[in-house]
């Protein structure tokens, strides 16, 4: 019996934020994501991605890029073929993850089995404190002082006061900081000793991508992680000597397929691994949980920052974020 054609559904989905979320590039009150559904023989595979203006992506542009492959999708496009049809980015991510999910349902196997991975377990995740005044950030830190790992958004003038306030609010939590390209070499050099004093474990993307050559010639007293400077495997040659870790995000790699390949290659080159996310729902986090197995740092708190989530959401508890159930993904 021949399979029916594969049908594509793609749409924007909007989730309200639990509260205003601010980084060095701006604030938002909602998360706008792209949801892809691939329908075949009564089965539905789903994926989600977040178009990111930092990379010149828009919801409309990502949806158009996905729809441009409608004929290829209908005729049975594979994940391997997709890697050459779209560049790394949000459009390919949503399709790639939907293809994994559909293959899982068609085969009756979980995605981790299809990818030849060990059964996933819960992983401890950071919780993000968005950029605000020191007083506000102290208050937010106090509310989340029970969490083992806090990620602090910074971005320029007043950062030391913000960080001290967070440490006062959460004296026992481990801290990582994310400058979102908001520092200069002088700011980083001045702050690095204070970061160590306050027990910060890692700093993420202190300098703008493409303007990070200074890291080659600077002491790095604590690990420096590439985020905007690292997209997929093609990024790795430029990172040697500048960064100690890379942040793998599926919206940058263009899906789970490349994310797993990037992780393998980066580990082989001696980079530490962080697995991060954009602000999105449990559907976007589910495949990233597979990449996060064994990672040095995990930052998959997107759903915790939303006012509402998908049906059958991921479970978060004292053990961290748990792998998805099949009703959600994979």
Foldseek 3Di string as FASTA:
>chain_A
DDKAFKAKDKDKDKFAFPDWFAFQVGIDGIFIKMKMWIDIPRDIFIFIFGFDVVVPGDSVNLVVLLVVCRVVRRVPNALVNLPVSDDQFGNLAGVNQSRLQRVCVVVVHASCVVVVHDDFWFAAAEAEDHDDALVVLLVVLLVVLVRQEYEYHAADPPRLSNLVSSCVNNVRHAYEYEHPQRADPVVCVVCQVVCVVSRHAEYENPHDAVPQPVLLVDDRPHFYEYEVQDQFQVSPVVCPSRGQAYEYESRRPSHLVRLQVRLVVCVVVRHAYEYEYDQAAQSRCQSSSRSCVPGPHYHRCNNVRTPDHDPQHWDQDNSHTGHGDSVRGD
